[in-house]
Each structure stands twice: as C-alpha cells, then as structure tokens.
Amino acid sequence: MQLRKQIHNLLLAVLTTAGLQAGSAFAHGVSEVMDVQGDDAAFTALARVTCFNDGNGEAAYLMSRIRDKSPAIPGLLVTVHILKGGRAINATDTSPGDADYSVWAALPGGNGVYLLMLTKTAAGARAFDLEWHCMTADNVHTGTDILVDQYD
C-alpha cells in the first residue's frame, strides 16, 4: 500500500507539471506504469481536467488517447474514458506493445471540468503513455489543467 501511495504522489506531481506547462501547443501527456505490482484487475486512475479560455478561445471539447507500451497479454487492455455532463466516451489501445496509440476519444462539453479515467481489463502491470488536450471549435489548443484524484 505504501508503494501505491508513493506512485500516486509521483504521478500527481508529473501530471500536474505536464498539465500546467504553458506555451507548448501539445504539452499534455504522461508516461507511467499502471498497477506496478500487477495484482489489481480493478486498478483505476481518475483525474479532473479543466478546460478554459487561455486567450486561444473557449474550449469546445476534451480529447485524449492512450498507448499501452507493455507486451500484449490476451484479455488485458487499457482504456481512457472521458466524462462530462451526463455524457461519456472512451478509447482502448487494442494493440498493446506496438508504437501506435488508440484512436482519439473526444467529448464536446465546452469549458469546465471533465473527468478523465484510466482502466484496464485484467490484473497486470501496464506501462502507458497518455495524452489529453482541450480544444476550441476551430481545433486550436486552449487552456488545460489537470488534478489527479485517484491512482490505485
């Protein structure tokens, strides 16, 4: 349990730093390991992403994608979910271990707080890359902050 707490704190620092970088159009991403011990099929990460007008325009939607960098294991996949205002969408990396990301999941919801959740389908440690971006209706990157609530 102590190891999970340390990993949670590390991820929180990494995600917060990555999510608050300014000046770079696509600077919102993290590379991490989910369920380091590999014994938790219900491992879940939950974060709040806030989309706002940072001078580039009002947010129209949040988009995210995930890449599972671990070797393929039958029945073990990682998924990113986006939720806001009674609506949800997700994207799963269906080819773990290759260089490709999942398709983009994009949820229209304007400015405000979205929930971003990561899940997996079975026990097993998974190394992953995650990207997220708040975008305007004209597909311009706009203000994006993140706060991690759960990583276990």
C-alpha atoms as a PDB file:
ATOM      1  CA  MET A   1       0.000   0.000   0.000  1.00  0.00           C
ATOM      2  CA  GLN A   2       2.905   2.360   0.753  1.00  0.00           C
ATOM      3  CA  LEU A   3       4.325   1.750  -2.745  1.00  0.00           C
ATOM      4  CA  ARG A   4       0.965   2.659  -4.289  1.00  0.00           C
ATOM      5  CA  LYS A   5       0.876   5.878  -2.272  1.00  0.00           C
ATOM      6  CA  GLN A   6       4.389   6.781  -3.472  1.00  0.00           C
ATOM      7  CA  ILE A   7       3.447   6.064  -7.077  1.00  0.00           C
ATOM      8  CA  HIS A   8       0.254   8.094  -6.692  1.00  0.00           C
ATOM      9  CA  ASN A   9       2.234  11.058  -5.357  1.00  0.00           C
ATOM     10  CA  LEU A  10       4.790  10.762  -8.162  1.00  0.00           C
ATOM     11  CA  LEU A  11       2.091  10.576 -10.829  1.00  0.00           C
ATOM     12  CA  LEU A  12       0.284  13.519  -9.268  1.00  0.00           C
ATOM     13  CA  ALA A  13       3.457  15.604  -9.495  1.00  0.00           C
ATOM     14  CA  VAL A  14       4.139  14.512 -13.086  1.00  0.00           C
ATOM     15  CA  LEU A  15       0.574  15.047 -14.295  1.00  0.00           C
ATOM     16  CA  THR A  16       0.244  18.384 -12.557  1.00  0.00           C
ATOM     17  CA  THR A  17       3.525  19.595 -14.024  1.00  0.00           C
ATOM     18  CA  ALA A  18       2.680  18.338 -17.509  1.00  0.00           C
ATOM     19  CA  GLY A  19      -0.831  19.722 -17.353  1.00  0.00           C
ATOM     20  CA  LEU A  20       0.297  23.183 -16.309  1.00  0.00           C
ATOM     21  CA  GLN A  21       3.010  23.709 -18.910  1.00  0.00           C
ATOM     22  CA  ALA A  22       2.371  26.888 -20.852  1.00  0.00           C
ATOM     23  CA  GLY A  23       3.379  27.911 -24.326  1.00  0.00           C
ATOM     24  CA  SER A  24       3.568  24.475 -25.895  1.00  0.00           C
ATOM     25  CA  ALA A  25       0.592  23.554 -28.031  1.00  0.00           C
ATOM     26  CA  PHE A  26       0.599  19.863 -27.181  1.00  0.00           C
ATOM     27  CA  ALA A  27       2.379  19.567 -23.841  1.00  0.00           C
ATOM     28  CA  HIS A  28      -0.224  17.496 -22.025  1.00  0.00           C
ATOM     29  CA  GLY A  29       0.973  13.946 -21.664  1.00  0.00           C
ATOM     30  CA  VAL A  30       2.473  11.482 -19.245  1.00  0.00           C
ATOM     31  CA  SER A  31       4.312   8.191 -19.403  1.00  0.00           C
ATOM     32  CA  GLU A  32       3.660   5.976 -16.368  1.00  0.00           C
ATOM     33  CA  VAL A  33       3.042   2.431 -15.113  1.00  0.00           C
ATOM     34  CA  MET A  34      -0.412   1.300 -14.024  1.00  0.00           C
ATOM     35  CA  ASP A  35      -0.626  -1.370 -11.291  1.00  0.00           C
ATOM     36  CA  VAL A  36       3.132  -1.794 -10.749  1.00  0.00           C
ATOM     37  CA  GLN A  37       2.669  -4.953  -8.686  1.00  0.00           C
ATOM     38  CA  GLY A  38       0.397  -6.412 -11.366  1.00  0.00           C
ATOM     39  CA  ASP A  39      -2.160  -7.828  -8.945  1.00  0.00           C
ATOM     40  CA  ASP A  40      -5.105  -5.425  -9.241  1.00  0.00           C
ATOM     41  CA  ALA A  41      -7.601  -6.009 -12.052  1.00  0.00           C
ATOM     42  CA  ALA A  42      -9.681  -3.088 -10.765  1.00  0.00           C
ATOM     43  CA  PHE A  43      -6.809  -0.553 -10.866  1.00  0.00           C
ATOM     44  CA  THR A  44      -8.253   2.839 -11.801  1.00  0.00           C
ATOM     45  CA  ALA A  45      -6.830   6.299 -12.307  1.00  0.00           C
ATOM     46  CA  LEU A  46      -9.151   9.302 -12.053  1.00  0.00           C
ATOM     47  CA  ALA A  47      -8.355  12.933 -12.771  1.00  0.00           C
ATOM     48  CA  ARG A  48     -10.237  16.182 -13.269  1.00  0.00           C
ATOM     49  CA  VAL A  49      -9.253  18.076 -16.407  1.00  0.00           C
ATOM     50  CA  THR A  50     -10.366  21.697 -16.539  1.00  0.00           C
ATOM     51  CA  CYS A  51     -10.729  23.290 -19.958  1.00  0.00           C
ATOM     52  CA  PHE A  52     -10.723  27.098 -20.121  1.00  0.00           C
ATOM     53  CA  ASN A  53     -10.069  30.050 -22.400  1.00  0.00           C
ATOM     54  CA  ASP A  54      -6.390  30.900 -22.077  1.00  0.00           C
ATOM     55  CA  GLY A  55      -6.576  33.521 -24.821  1.00  0.00           C
ATOM     56  CA  ASN A  56      -6.822  30.996 -27.642  1.00  0.00           C
ATOM     57  CA  GLY A  57     -10.604  30.747 -27.384  1.00  0.00           C
ATOM     58  CA  GLU A  58     -13.338  28.952 -25.474  1.00  0.00           C
ATOM     59  CA  ALA A  59     -12.955  25.201 -25.125  1.00  0.00           C
ATOM     60  CA  ALA A  60     -15.333  23.123 -27.213  1.00  0.00           C
ATOM     61  CA  TYR A  61     -14.146  19.637 -26.284  1.00  0.00           C
ATOM     62  CA  LEU A  62     -11.579  17.494 -24.480  1.00  0.00           C
ATOM     63  CA  MET A  63      -9.692  14.844 -26.437  1.00  0.00           C
ATOM     64  CA  SER A  64      -7.491  12.037 -25.161  1.00  0.00           C
ATOM     65  CA  ARG A  65      -5.753   8.883 -26.337  1.00  0.00           C
ATOM     66  CA  ILE A  66      -3.701   6.127 -24.725  1.00  0.00           C
ATOM     67  CA  ARG A  67      -0.849   3.832 -25.769  1.00  0.00           C
ATOM     68  CA  ASP A  68      -0.131   0.568 -23.949  1.00  0.00           C
ATOM     69  CA  LYS A  69       3.635   0.022 -24.223  1.00  0.00           C
ATOM     70  CA  SER A  70       3.676  -3.314 -22.394  1.00  0.00           C
ATOM     71  CA  PRO A  71       3.870  -6.669 -24.170  1.00  0.00           C
ATOM     72  CA  ALA A  72       0.487  -7.991 -25.233  1.00  0.00           C
ATOM     73  CA  ILE A  73      -1.318 -10.303 -22.807  1.00  0.00           C
ATOM     74  CA  PRO A  74      -4.572 -11.887 -24.025  1.00  0.00           C
ATOM     75  CA  GLY A  75      -7.553 -10.187 -22.395  1.00  0.00           C
ATOM     76  CA  LEU A  76      -5.541  -7.288 -20.897  1.00  0.00           C
ATOM     77  CA  LEU A  77      -6.258  -3.900 -22.449  1.00  0.00           C
ATOM     78  CA  VAL A  78      -6.084  -0.304 -21.216  1.00  0.00           C
ATOM     79  CA  THR A  79      -8.781   2.285 -21.838  1.00  0.00           C
ATOM     80  CA  VAL A  80      -9.099   6.031 -21.369  1.00  0.00           C
ATOM     81  CA  HIS A  81     -12.597   7.363 -20.563  1.00  0.00           C
ATOM     82  CA  ILE A  82     -13.797  10.988 -20.723  1.00  0.00           C
ATOM     83  CA  LEU A  83     -16.958  12.003 -18.834  1.00  0.00           C
ATOM     84  CA  LYS A  84     -18.811  15.323 -18.519  1.00  0.00           C
ATOM     85  CA  GLY A  85     -22.398  16.420 -18.023  1.00  0.00           C
ATOM     86  CA  GLY A  86     -24.048  13.016 -18.260  1.00  0.00           C
ATOM     87  CA  ARG A  87     -22.064  12.043 -21.378  1.00  0.00           C
ATOM     88  CA  ALA A  88     -19.077   9.741 -21.822  1.00  0.00           C
ATOM     89  CA  ILE A  89     -16.748   8.369 -24.465  1.00  0.00           C
ATOM     90  CA  ASN A  90     -13.708   6.084 -24.387  1.00  0.00           C
ATOM     91  CA  ALA A  91     -10.809   4.785 -26.430  1.00  0.00           C
ATOM     92  CA  THR A  92      -8.949   1.493 -25.944  1.00  0.00           C
ATOM     93  CA  ASP A  93      -5.496   0.596 -27.201  1.00  0.00           C
ATOM     94  CA  THR A  94      -6.397  -2.662 -28.921  1.00  0.00           C
ATOM     95  CA  SER A  95      -2.795  -3.440 -29.971  1.00  0.00           C
ATOM     96  CA  PRO A  96      -0.651  -3.372 -26.815  1.00  0.00           C
ATOM     97  CA  GLY A  97       3.104  -3.310 -27.199  1.00  0.00           C
ATOM     98  CA  ASP A  98       3.265  -1.567 -30.565  1.00  0.00           C
ATOM     99  CA  ALA A  99       4.091   2.081 -31.264  1.00  0.00           C
ATOM    100  CA  ASP A 100       0.504   3.083 -32.021  1.00  0.00           C
ATOM    101  CA  TYR A 101      -1.913   4.964 -29.789  1.00  0.00           C
ATOM    102  CA  SER A 102      -5.609   4.260 -29.540  1.00  0.00           C
ATOM    103  CA  VAL A 103      -7.905   6.393 -31.631  1.00  0.00           C
ATOM    104  CA  TRP A 104      -8.657   9.802 -30.145  1.00  0.00           C
ATOM    105  CA  ALA A 105     -11.667   9.999 -27.855  1.00  0.00           C
ATOM    106  CA  ALA A 106     -13.233  13.471 -27.985  1.00  0.00           C
ATOM    107  CA  LEU A 107     -16.115  14.680 -25.840  1.00  0.00           C
ATOM    108  CA  PRO A 108     -17.798  18.010 -26.583  1.00  0.00           C
ATOM    109  CA  GLY A 109     -18.631  19.825 -23.378  1.00  0.00           C
ATOM    110  CA  GLY A 110     -17.214  23.349 -23.588  1.00  0.00           C
ATOM    111  CA  ASN A 111     -15.306  24.991 -20.773  1.00  0.00           C
ATOM    112  CA  GLY A 112     -15.319  23.384 -17.346  1.00  0.00           C
ATOM    113  CA  VAL A 113     -14.340  20.203 -15.579  1.00  0.00           C
ATOM    114  CA  TYR A 114     -14.188  16.823 -17.322  1.00  0.00           C
ATOM    115  CA  LEU A 115     -13.418  13.509 -15.644  1.00  0.00           C
ATOM    116  CA  LEU A 116     -10.591  11.550 -17.234  1.00  0.00           C
ATOM    117  CA  MET A 117     -10.396   7.909 -16.145  1.00  0.00           C
ATOM    118  CA  LEU A 118      -7.984   5.080 -16.988  1.00  0.00           C
ATOM    119  CA  THR A 119      -8.955   1.444 -16.533  1.00  0.00           C
ATOM    120  CA  LYS A 120      -7.716  -1.988 -17.540  1.00  0.00           C
ATOM    121  CA  THR A 121      -9.484  -5.266 -18.139  1.00  0.00           C
ATOM    122  CA  ALA A 122      -7.406  -7.652 -16.004  1.00  0.00           C
ATOM    123  CA  ALA A 123      -4.600  -7.842 -13.453  1.00  0.00           C
ATOM    124  CA  GLY A 124      -1.152  -6.988 -14.771  1.00  0.00           C
ATOM    125  CA  ALA A 125       1.250  -4.058 -14.764  1.00  0.00           C
ATOM    126  CA  ARG A 126       0.868  -1.810 -17.820  1.00  0.00           C
ATOM    127  CA  ALA A 127       3.338   0.845 -18.987  1.00  0.00           C
ATOM    128  CA  PHE A 128       1.388   3.505 -20.852  1.00  0.00           C
ATOM    129  CA  ASP A 129       1.518   6.928 -22.467  1.00  0.00           C
ATOM    130  CA  LEU A 130      -1.492   9.205 -22.139  1.00  0.00           C
ATOM    131  CA  GLU A 131      -2.260  12.454 -23.968  1.00  0.00           C
ATOM    132  CA  TRP A 132      -5.066  14.928 -23.289  1.00  0.00           C
ATOM    133  CA  HIS A 133      -5.904  18.317 -24.808  1.00  0.00           C
ATOM    134  CA  CYS A 134      -8.659  20.893 -24.506  1.00  0.00           C
ATOM    135  CA  MET A 135      -9.563  22.219 -27.938  1.00  0.00           C
ATOM    136  CA  THR A 136     -11.635  25.067 -29.394  1.00  0.00           C
ATOM    137  CA  ALA A 137     -14.323  24.609 -32.035  1.00  0.00           C
ATOM    138  CA  ASP A 138     -11.633  25.613 -34.585  1.00  0.00           C
ATOM    139  CA  ASN A 139      -9.355  22.811 -33.293  1.00  0.00           C
ATOM    140  CA  VAL A 140      -6.946  25.178 -31.551  1.00  0.00           C
ATOM    141  CA  HIS A 141      -5.377  24.048 -28.279  1.00  0.00           C
ATOM    142  CA  THR A 142      -6.663  26.072 -25.320  1.00  0.00           C
ATOM    143  CA  GLY A 143      -6.266  26.161 -21.530  1.00  0.00           C
ATOM    144  CA  THR A 144      -5.863  22.736 -19.935  1.00  0.00           C
ATOM    145  CA  ASP A 145      -5.267  21.969 -16.231  1.00  0.00           C
ATOM    146  CA  ILE A 146      -5.338  18.584 -14.507  1.00  0.00           C
ATOM    147  CA  LEU A 147      -5.721  17.359 -10.934  1.00  0.00           C
ATOM    148  CA  VAL A 148      -5.287  13.652 -10.132  1.00  0.00           C
ATOM    149  CA  ASP A 149      -7.815  12.323  -7.601  1.00  0.00           C
ATOM    150  CA  GLN A 150      -7.062   8.580  -7.667  1.00  0.00           C
ATOM    151  CA  TYR A 151      -4.268   6.323  -8.855  1.00  0.00           C
ATOM    152  CA  ASP A 152      -4.834   2.839  -7.428  1.00  0.00           C
END
